[in-house]
Amino acid sequence: MNLDLEKATLEGILKDNTHGSSYLLEKTVAFLKDKPLPMQLNYARQIANIHKGMAYLVNLKNFIEDEKKGCIEFYEEVKKAQREVLEKFLRYGEALSISSVATFSYSGLVRDALLSLYDKKPFSLFIGESRPVCEGIKFAEHLFNSGIKDITVMTDACLFSETESYDIVILGCDCFTDDFFVNKTGSRAFVKLCEVYGKTVLVLADRFKRLKKEDVALKDGENREIYDGKFSLKVKNPYLETVYFTDNVIIFY
């Protein structure tokens, strides 16, 4: 990889605010895999520092530091853990009677789970656009192109307002602890509404998404994504938030 391409690839990973941690891990591994271990560690540290709170990227850095092994070995362990979670999820899903599923934001593990479940039990899927960068739309397009044809996209506010009508909600997460998980801002309100309406929320993770509380970091987006006008308006644009586990939340890991 020439220096210009290497720089552009690294910047693409560092600036990616659209995709979930599974996707970013794949891109990071593809970028690092042919590099010597000290260089992998240097880049892994940069990436983990920018994408704070994304457990895969933090744990990749820790794995290289602690185990003195490369990104390929870490990726193989993650893929094995993901397969185990999908197997647990499908065993659980096979016992459910569902006709409508809702999800929010973009998650590689949720993608695989939805596609696998749909093959066995077709359902209507509802996806919020996931402002401000609208990764939910990209997620919906990917799922539609992969075979799920009954998909409705809507604003996040509409998705939450119709919580009562979904059979189940499936979310991914960037990381989790014993007390909470971290996901796209809006997830806390969605889970709370599910609690009010007695809806189950399934959170898909795996053991490599576990972090210590002190390592959890929440990321903000750029102000211009919310407001880029001429007035001196204050802007809040948190990308991630903590969602504490409640009785209606089941996490697979």
C-alpha atoms as a PDB file:
ATOM      1  CA  MET A   1       0.000   0.000   0.000  1.00  0.00           C
ATOM      2  CA  ASN A   2       1.555   3.323  -1.050  1.00  0.00           C
ATOM      3  CA  LEU A   3       1.754   6.158   1.467  1.00  0.00           C
ATOM      4  CA  ASP A   4      -1.054   8.224  -0.056  1.00  0.00           C
ATOM      5  CA  LEU A   5      -3.441   5.261  -0.119  1.00  0.00           C
ATOM      6  CA  GLU A   6      -2.411   4.272   3.405  1.00  0.00           C
ATOM      7  CA  LYS A   7      -3.100   7.773   4.683  1.00  0.00           C
ATOM      8  CA  ALA A   8      -6.478   7.918   2.928  1.00  0.00           C
ATOM      9  CA  THR A   9      -7.478   4.493   4.278  1.00  0.00           C
ATOM     10  CA  LEU A  10      -6.536   5.440   7.823  1.00  0.00           C
ATOM     11  CA  GLU A  11      -8.408   8.753   7.587  1.00  0.00           C
ATOM     12  CA  GLY A  12     -11.459   6.906   6.287  1.00  0.00           C
ATOM     13  CA  ILE A  13     -11.462   4.684   9.373  1.00  0.00           C
ATOM     14  CA  LEU A  14     -10.832   7.567  11.770  1.00  0.00           C
ATOM     15  CA  LYS A  15     -13.566   9.771  10.290  1.00  0.00           C
ATOM     16  CA  ASP A  16     -16.226   7.067   9.856  1.00  0.00           C
ATOM     17  CA  ASN A  17     -19.251   8.117  11.919  1.00  0.00           C
ATOM     18  CA  THR A  18     -21.759   5.986  10.026  1.00  0.00           C
ATOM     19  CA  HIS A  19     -20.890   2.339  10.527  1.00  0.00           C
ATOM     20  CA  GLY A  20     -20.916   0.151  13.591  1.00  0.00           C
ATOM     21  CA  SER A  21     -17.975  -1.432  15.348  1.00  0.00           C
ATOM     22  CA  SER A  22     -18.119  -4.718  13.384  1.00  0.00           C
ATOM     23  CA  TYR A  23     -17.670  -2.880  10.101  1.00  0.00           C
ATOM     24  CA  LEU A  24     -14.909  -0.680  11.486  1.00  0.00           C
ATOM     25  CA  LEU A  25     -13.114  -3.711  12.893  1.00  0.00           C
ATOM     26  CA  GLU A  26     -13.211  -5.363   9.451  1.00  0.00           C
ATOM     27  CA  LYS A  27     -11.794  -2.231   7.825  1.00  0.00           C
ATOM     28  CA  THR A  28      -9.143  -1.896  10.524  1.00  0.00           C
ATOM     29  CA  VAL A  29      -8.021  -5.511  10.189  1.00  0.00           C
ATOM     30  CA  ALA A  30      -7.818  -5.195   6.401  1.00  0.00           C
ATOM     31  CA  PHE A  31      -5.684  -2.077   6.890  1.00  0.00           C
ATOM     32  CA  LEU A  32      -3.360  -3.593   9.523  1.00  0.00           C
ATOM     33  CA  LYS A  33      -3.008  -7.248   8.563  1.00  0.00           C
ATOM     34  CA  ASP A  34       0.126  -6.991   6.388  1.00  0.00           C
ATOM     35  CA  LYS A  35       1.963  -4.635   8.715  1.00  0.00           C
ATOM     36  CA  PRO A  36       4.556  -5.649  11.329  1.00  0.00           C
ATOM     37  CA  LEU A  37       3.290  -5.943  14.891  1.00  0.00           C
ATOM     38  CA  PRO A  38       4.787  -2.671  16.218  1.00  0.00           C
ATOM     39  CA  MET A  39       3.129  -0.758  13.373  1.00  0.00           C
ATOM     40  CA  GLN A  40      -0.187  -2.557  13.968  1.00  0.00           C
ATOM     41  CA  LEU A  41      -0.047  -1.467  17.590  1.00  0.00           C
ATOM     42  CA  ASN A  42       0.743   2.136  16.709  1.00  0.00           C
ATOM     43  CA  TYR A  43      -2.204   2.387  14.312  1.00  0.00           C
ATOM     44  CA  ALA A  44      -4.501   0.420  16.642  1.00  0.00           C
ATOM     45  CA  ARG A  45      -3.785   2.947  19.379  1.00  0.00           C
ATOM     46  CA  GLN A  46      -4.664   5.846  17.066  1.00  0.00           C
ATOM     47  CA  ILE A  47      -7.901   4.222  15.974  1.00  0.00           C
ATOM     48  CA  ALA A  48      -8.948   3.244  19.503  1.00  0.00           C
ATOM     49  CA  ASN A  49      -8.251   6.775  20.729  1.00  0.00           C
ATOM     50  CA  ILE A  50     -10.539   8.309  18.100  1.00  0.00           C
ATOM     51  CA  HIS A  51     -13.287   5.675  18.372  1.00  0.00           C
ATOM     52  CA  LYS A  52     -13.390   5.665  22.158  1.00  0.00           C
ATOM     53  CA  GLY A  53     -16.107   3.443  23.530  1.00  0.00           C
ATOM     54  CA  MET A  54     -16.094   1.068  20.527  1.00  0.00           C
ATOM     55  CA  ALA A  55     -15.091  -2.044  22.388  1.00  0.00           C
ATOM     56  CA  TYR A  56     -13.821  -4.022  19.393  1.00  0.00           C
ATOM     57  CA  LEU A  57     -11.298  -1.316  18.587  1.00  0.00           C
ATOM     58  CA  VAL A  58     -10.300  -0.769  22.209  1.00  0.00           C
ATOM     59  CA  ASN A  59      -9.931  -4.506  22.782  1.00  0.00           C
ATOM     60  CA  LEU A  60      -7.977  -4.931  19.536  1.00  0.00           C
ATOM     61  CA  LYS A  61      -5.449  -2.446  20.867  1.00  0.00           C
ATOM     62  CA  ASN A  62      -5.381  -4.228  24.234  1.00  0.00           C
ATOM     63  CA  PHE A  63      -5.008  -7.635  22.545  1.00  0.00           C
ATOM     64  CA  ILE A  64      -1.960  -6.553  20.550  1.00  0.00           C
ATOM     65  CA  GLU A  65      -0.435  -4.929  23.632  1.00  0.00           C
ATOM     66  CA  ASP A  66      -1.110  -7.781  26.054  1.00  0.00           C
ATOM     67  CA  GLU A  67      -0.999 -10.915  23.905  1.00  0.00           C
ATOM     68  CA  LYS A  68       1.727  -9.762  21.502  1.00  0.00           C
ATOM     69  CA  LYS A  69      -0.370 -11.171  18.679  1.00  0.00           C
ATOM     70  CA  GLY A  70      -1.679  -9.494  15.560  1.00  0.00           C
ATOM     71  CA  CYS A  71      -5.034  -8.304  14.330  1.00  0.00           C
ATOM     72  CA  ILE A  72      -5.786 -11.494  12.376  1.00  0.00           C
ATOM     73  CA  GLU A  73      -5.696 -13.604  15.532  1.00  0.00           C
ATOM     74  CA  PHE A  74      -7.961 -11.113  17.293  1.00  0.00           C
ATOM     75  CA  TYR A  75     -10.386 -11.016  14.374  1.00  0.00           C
ATOM     76  CA  GLU A  76     -10.639 -14.812  14.318  1.00  0.00           C
ATOM     77  CA  GLU A  77     -11.531 -14.821  18.015  1.00  0.00           C
ATOM     78  CA  VAL A  78     -14.173 -12.130  17.468  1.00  0.00           C
ATOM     79  CA  LYS A  79     -15.759 -14.004  14.550  1.00  0.00           C
ATOM     80  CA  LYS A  80     -15.940 -17.155  16.657  1.00  0.00           C
ATOM     81  CA  ALA A  81     -17.625 -15.207  19.475  1.00  0.00           C
ATOM     82  CA  GLN A  82     -20.089 -13.648  17.016  1.00  0.00           C
ATOM     83  CA  ARG A  83     -21.058 -17.059  15.644  1.00  0.00           C
ATOM     84  CA  GLU A  84     -21.736 -18.276  19.173  1.00  0.00           C
ATOM     85  CA  VAL A  85     -23.991 -15.267  19.837  1.00  0.00           C
ATOM     86  CA  LEU A  86     -25.882 -15.774  16.582  1.00  0.00           C
ATOM     87  CA  GLU A  87     -26.495 -19.406  17.480  1.00  0.00           C
ATOM     88  CA  LYS A  88     -27.894 -18.370  20.876  1.00  0.00           C
ATOM     89  CA  PHE A  89     -30.051 -15.698  19.258  1.00  0.00           C
ATOM     90  CA  LEU A  90     -31.491 -18.047  16.641  1.00  0.00           C
ATOM     91  CA  ARG A  91     -32.341 -20.677  19.244  1.00  0.00           C
ATOM     92  CA  TYR A  92     -34.157 -17.978  21.179  1.00  0.00           C
ATOM     93  CA  GLY A  93     -35.822 -16.550  18.051  1.00  0.00           C
ATOM     94  CA  GLU A  94     -37.108 -19.909  16.854  1.00  0.00           C
ATOM     95  CA  ALA A  95     -39.366 -20.081  19.897  1.00  0.00           C
ATOM     96  CA  LEU A  96     -40.866 -16.644  19.262  1.00  0.00           C
ATOM     97  CA  SER A  97     -44.008 -15.794  17.357  1.00  0.00           C
ATOM     98  CA  ILE A  98     -43.163 -12.504  15.663  1.00  0.00           C
ATOM     99  CA  SER A  99     -44.468 -10.620  12.658  1.00  0.00           C
ATOM    100  CA  SER A 100     -42.824  -7.218  13.237  1.00  0.00           C
ATOM    101  CA  VAL A 101     -39.320  -6.252  14.332  1.00  0.00           C
ATOM    102  CA  ALA A 102     -37.852  -2.806  14.938  1.00  0.00           C
ATOM    103  CA  THR A 103     -34.228  -1.746  15.045  1.00  0.00           C
ATOM    104  CA  PHE A 104     -32.222   1.442  15.296  1.00  0.00           C
ATOM    105  CA  SER A 105     -28.869   2.546  13.899  1.00  0.00           C
ATOM    106  CA  TYR A 106     -26.451   0.171  12.085  1.00  0.00           C
ATOM    107  CA  SER A 107     -24.972  -3.017  13.494  1.00  0.00           C
ATOM    108  CA  GLY A 108     -23.146  -5.795  11.691  1.00  0.00           C
ATOM    109  CA  LEU A 109     -24.215  -8.386  14.242  1.00  0.00           C
ATOM    110  CA  VAL A 110     -27.847  -7.254  14.057  1.00  0.00           C
ATOM    111  CA  ARG A 111     -27.595  -7.436  10.265  1.00  0.00           C
ATOM    112  CA  ASP A 112     -26.505 -11.078  10.395  1.00  0.00           C
ATOM    113  CA  ALA A 113     -29.138 -11.904  13.022  1.00  0.00           C
ATOM    114  CA  LEU A 114     -31.990 -10.318  11.065  1.00  0.00           C
ATOM    115  CA  LEU A 115     -31.015 -12.035   7.819  1.00  0.00           C
ATOM    116  CA  SER A 116     -30.706 -15.415   9.529  1.00  0.00           C
ATOM    117  CA  LEU A 117     -34.004 -15.050  11.365  1.00  0.00           C
ATOM    118  CA  TYR A 118     -35.824 -13.784   8.262  1.00  0.00           C
ATOM    119  CA  ASP A 119     -34.855 -16.937   6.363  1.00  0.00           C
ATOM    120  CA  LYS A 120     -36.735 -18.978   8.966  1.00  0.00           C
ATOM    121  CA  LYS A 121     -39.527 -16.560   9.916  1.00  0.00           C
ATOM    122  CA  PRO A 122     -40.274 -13.693   7.509  1.00  0.00           C
ATOM    123  CA  PHE A 123     -41.318 -10.492   9.286  1.00  0.00           C
ATOM    124  CA  SER A 124     -41.950  -6.810   8.689  1.00  0.00           C
ATOM    125  CA  LEU A 125     -38.931  -4.697   9.633  1.00  0.00           C
ATOM    126  CA  PHE A 126     -39.083  -1.092  10.851  1.00  0.00           C
ATOM    127  CA  ILE A 127     -35.924   1.026  10.922  1.00  0.00           C
ATOM    128  CA  GLY A 128     -35.360   4.567  12.148  1.00  0.00           C
ATOM    129  CA  GLU A 129     -33.235   6.760   9.908  1.00  0.00           C
ATOM    130  CA  SER A 130     -30.805   7.357  12.801  1.00  0.00           C
ATOM    131  CA  ARG A 131     -30.039  11.040  12.559  1.00  0.00           C
ATOM    132  CA  PRO A 132     -27.888  12.998  12.113  1.00  0.00           C
ATOM    133  CA  VAL A 133     -25.874  10.900   9.636  1.00  0.00           C
ATOM    134  CA  CYS A 134     -28.805   8.583   8.824  1.00  0.00           C
ATOM    135  CA  GLU A 135     -26.953   5.285   8.965  1.00  0.00           C
ATOM    136  CA  GLY A 136     -30.334   3.616   9.439  1.00  0.00           C
ATOM    137  CA  ILE A 137     -31.166   4.356   5.801  1.00  0.00           C
ATOM    138  CA  LYS A 138     -27.940   2.708   4.657  1.00  0.00           C
ATOM    139  CA  PHE A 139     -28.731  -0.234   6.917  1.00  0.00           C
ATOM    140  CA  ALA A 140     -32.209  -0.579   5.411  1.00  0.00           C
ATOM    141  CA  GLU A 141     -30.811  -0.483   1.881  1.00  0.00           C
ATOM    142  CA  HIS A 142     -28.241  -3.146   2.723  1.00  0.00           C
ATOM    143  CA  LEU A 143     -30.858  -5.426   4.278  1.00  0.00           C
ATOM    144  CA  PHE A 144     -33.260  -4.923   1.373  1.00  0.00           C
ATOM    145  CA  ASN A 145     -30.509  -5.768  -1.104  1.00  0.00           C
ATOM    146  CA  SER A 146     -29.683  -8.857   0.972  1.00  0.00           C
ATOM    147  CA  GLY A 147     -33.216 -10.245   0.803  1.00  0.00           C
ATOM    148  CA  ILE A 148     -35.474  -8.613   3.410  1.00  0.00           C
ATOM    149  CA  LYS A 149     -38.087  -6.945   1.226  1.00  0.00           C
ATOM    150  CA  ASP A 150     -40.687  -5.834   3.788  1.00  0.00           C
ATOM    151  CA  ILE A 151     -38.820  -2.859   5.265  1.00  0.00           C
ATOM    152  CA  THR A 152     -40.272   0.463   6.407  1.00  0.00           C
ATOM    153  CA  VAL A 153     -37.946   3.391   7.100  1.00  0.00           C
ATOM    154  CA  MET A 154     -39.095   6.354   9.162  1.00  0.00           C
ATOM    155  CA  THR A 155     -37.881   9.227  11.262  1.00  0.00           C
ATOM    156  CA  ASP A 156     -36.529   8.294  14.658  1.00  0.00           C
ATOM    157  CA  ALA A 157     -39.412  10.108  16.346  1.00  0.00           C
ATOM    158  CA  CYS A 158     -41.906   8.048  14.344  1.00  0.00           C
ATOM    159  CA  LEU A 159     -40.069   4.810  15.143  1.00  0.00           C
ATOM    160  CA  PHE A 160     -40.296   5.549  18.863  1.00  0.00           C
ATOM    161  CA  SER A 161     -43.907   6.727  18.676  1.00  0.00           C
ATOM    162  CA  GLU A 162     -44.986   3.382  17.218  1.00  0.00           C
ATOM    163  CA  THR A 163     -43.222   1.247  19.839  1.00  0.00           C
ATOM    164  CA  GLU A 164     -46.500  -0.342  20.918  1.00  0.00           C
ATOM    165  CA  SER A 165     -46.946  -1.981  17.510  1.00  0.00           C
ATOM    166  CA  TYR A 166     -43.663  -3.949  17.358  1.00  0.00           C
ATOM    167  CA  ASP A 167     -43.398  -7.527  18.536  1.00  0.00           C
ATOM    168  CA  ILE A 168     -39.744  -7.141  19.469  1.00  0.00           C
ATOM    169  CA  VAL A 169     -36.866  -4.648  19.256  1.00  0.00           C
ATOM    170  CA  ILE A 170     -33.341  -5.748  18.358  1.00  0.00           C
ATOM    171  CA  LEU A 171     -30.369  -3.471  18.982  1.00  0.00           C
ATOM    172  CA  GLY A 172     -26.624  -3.708  18.686  1.00  0.00           C
ATOM    173  CA  CYS A 173     -24.189  -1.973  20.977  1.00  0.00           C
ATOM    174  CA  ASP A 174     -20.743  -0.457  20.865  1.00  0.00           C
ATOM    175  CA  CYS A 175     -19.873  -1.859  24.274  1.00  0.00           C
ATOM    176  CA  PHE A 176     -21.405  -3.077  27.513  1.00  0.00           C
ATOM    177  CA  THR A 177     -20.625  -3.391  31.208  1.00  0.00           C
ATOM    178  CA  ASP A 178     -22.390  -5.272  33.997  1.00  0.00           C
ATOM    179  CA  ASP A 179     -24.822  -2.370  34.435  1.00  0.00           C
ATOM    180  CA  PHE A 180     -25.427  -0.820  31.027  1.00  0.00           C
ATOM    181  CA  PHE A 181     -24.778  -0.954  27.304  1.00  0.00           C
ATOM    182  CA  VAL A 182     -23.775   1.873  24.981  1.00  0.00           C
ATOM    183  CA  ASN A 183     -25.554   2.505  21.703  1.00  0.00           C
ATOM    184  CA  LYS A 184     -26.704   5.270  19.399  1.00  0.00           C
ATOM    185  CA  THR A 185     -28.326   8.243  21.141  1.00  0.00           C
ATOM    186  CA  GLY A 186     -32.056   7.608  21.222  1.00  0.00           C
ATOM    187  CA  SER A 187     -31.633   4.003  22.345  1.00  0.00           C
ATOM    188  CA  ARG A 188     -32.316   4.947  25.974  1.00  0.00           C
ATOM    189  CA  ALA A 189     -35.670   6.504  25.089  1.00  0.00           C
ATOM    190  CA  PHE A 190     -36.521   3.548  22.861  1.00  0.00           C
ATOM    191  CA  VAL A 191     -35.749   1.029  25.609  1.00  0.00           C
ATOM    192  CA  LYS A 192     -37.751   3.052  28.111  1.00  0.00           C
ATOM    193  CA  LEU A 193     -40.762   3.085  25.785  1.00  0.00           C
ATOM    194  CA  CYS A 194     -40.391  -0.667  25.316  1.00  0.00           C
ATOM    195  CA  GLU A 195     -40.463  -1.047  29.091  1.00  0.00           C
ATOM    196  CA  VAL A 196     -43.675   1.007  29.273  1.00  0.00           C
ATOM    197  CA  TYR A 197     -45.362  -1.105  26.590  1.00  0.00           C
ATOM    198  CA  GLY A 198     -44.027  -4.432  27.816  1.00  0.00           C
ATOM    199  CA  LYS A 199     -41.846  -5.062  24.766  1.00  0.00           C
ATOM    200  CA  THR A 200     -38.689  -7.143  24.890  1.00  0.00           C
ATOM    201  CA  VAL A 201     -35.425  -5.584  23.740  1.00  0.00           C
ATOM    202  CA  LEU A 202     -32.724  -7.950  22.523  1.00  0.00           C
ATOM    203  CA  VAL A 203     -29.200  -6.516  22.586  1.00  0.00           C
ATOM    204  CA  LEU A 204     -26.633  -8.368  20.495  1.00  0.00           C
ATOM    205  CA  ALA A 205     -23.030  -8.163  21.588  1.00  0.00           C
ATOM    206  CA  ASP A 206     -20.294 -10.720  22.308  1.00  0.00           C
ATOM    207  CA  ARG A 207     -17.603 -11.071  24.936  1.00  0.00           C
ATOM    208  CA  PHE A 208     -15.227  -8.772  23.058  1.00  0.00           C
ATOM    209  CA  LYS A 209     -17.667  -5.892  23.458  1.00  0.00           C
ATOM    210  CA  ARG A 210     -17.349  -5.922  27.231  1.00  0.00           C
ATOM    211  CA  LEU A 211     -15.449  -2.985  28.713  1.00  0.00           C
ATOM    212  CA  LYS A 212     -14.597  -1.821  32.191  1.00  0.00           C
ATOM    213  CA  LYS A 213     -16.711   1.161  33.225  1.00  0.00           C
ATOM    214  CA  GLU A 214     -13.641   3.380  33.361  1.00  0.00           C
ATOM    215  CA  ASP A 215     -12.850   2.579  29.710  1.00  0.00           C
ATOM    216  CA  VAL A 216     -16.284   3.585  28.414  1.00  0.00           C
ATOM    217  CA  ALA A 217     -16.236   6.854  26.467  1.00  0.00           C
ATOM    218  CA  LEU A 218     -19.150   8.547  24.713  1.00  0.00           C
ATOM    219  CA  LYS A 219     -18.544  10.253  21.413  1.00  0.00           C
ATOM    220  CA  ASP A 220     -19.984  13.529  20.088  1.00  0.00           C
ATOM    221  CA  GLY A 221     -20.517  14.406  16.451  1.00  0.00           C
ATOM    222  CA  GLU A 222     -19.707  17.669  14.750  1.00  0.00           C
ATOM    223  CA  ASN A 223     -21.982  20.662  15.371  1.00  0.00           C
ATOM    224  CA  ARG A 224     -22.510  21.253  11.655  1.00  0.00           C
ATOM    225  CA  GLU A 225     -24.347  17.929  11.363  1.00  0.00           C
ATOM    226  CA  ILE A 226     -27.150  19.508  13.411  1.00  0.00           C
ATOM    227  CA  TYR A 227     -26.894  23.179  12.538  1.00  0.00           C
ATOM    228  CA  ASP A 228     -24.718  24.971  10.001  1.00  0.00           C
ATOM    229  CA  GLY A 229     -26.612  28.252   9.813  1.00  0.00           C
ATOM    230  CA  LYS A 230     -25.605  31.849  10.405  1.00  0.00           C
ATOM    231  CA  PHE A 231     -26.820  32.243  13.998  1.00  0.00           C
ATOM    232  CA  SER A 232     -24.824  31.492  17.141  1.00  0.00           C
ATOM    233  CA  LEU A 233     -27.025  28.617  18.234  1.00  0.00           C
ATOM    234  CA  LYS A 234     -25.739  26.145  20.771  1.00  0.00           C
ATOM    235  CA  VAL A 235     -25.646  22.585  19.492  1.00  0.00           C
ATOM    236  CA  LYS A 236     -25.758  19.182  21.187  1.00  0.00           C
ATOM    237  CA  ASN A 237     -24.845  16.207  19.039  1.00  0.00           C
ATOM    238  CA  PRO A 238     -23.970  13.173  21.198  1.00  0.00           C
ATOM    239  CA  TYR A 239     -23.610  10.053  19.074  1.00  0.00           C
ATOM    240  CA  LEU A 240     -23.725   7.558  21.917  1.00  0.00           C
ATOM    241  CA  GLU A 241     -25.393   7.137  25.291  1.00  0.00           C
ATOM    242  CA  THR A 242     -25.558   4.651  28.136  1.00  0.00           C
ATOM    243  CA  VAL A 243     -28.677   2.509  28.492  1.00  0.00           C
ATOM    244  CA  TYR A 244     -29.076   0.783  31.853  1.00  0.00           C
ATOM    245  CA  PHE A 245     -30.337  -2.763  31.830  1.00  0.00           C
ATOM    246  CA  THR A 246     -33.963  -3.203  32.841  1.00  0.00           C
ATOM    247  CA  ASP A 247     -36.085  -6.318  33.197  1.00  0.00           C
ATOM    248  CA  ASN A 248     -37.241  -6.152  29.574  1.00  0.00           C
ATOM    249  CA  VAL A 249     -33.696  -6.129  28.160  1.00  0.00           C
ATOM    250  CA  ILE A 250     -31.946  -9.386  27.229  1.00  0.00           C
ATOM    251  CA  ILE A 251     -28.312  -9.178  26.141  1.00  0.00           C
ATOM    252  CA  PHE A 252     -26.609 -11.945  24.186  1.00  0.00           C
ATOM    253  CA  TYR A 253     -22.842 -12.105  24.563  1.00  0.00           C
END
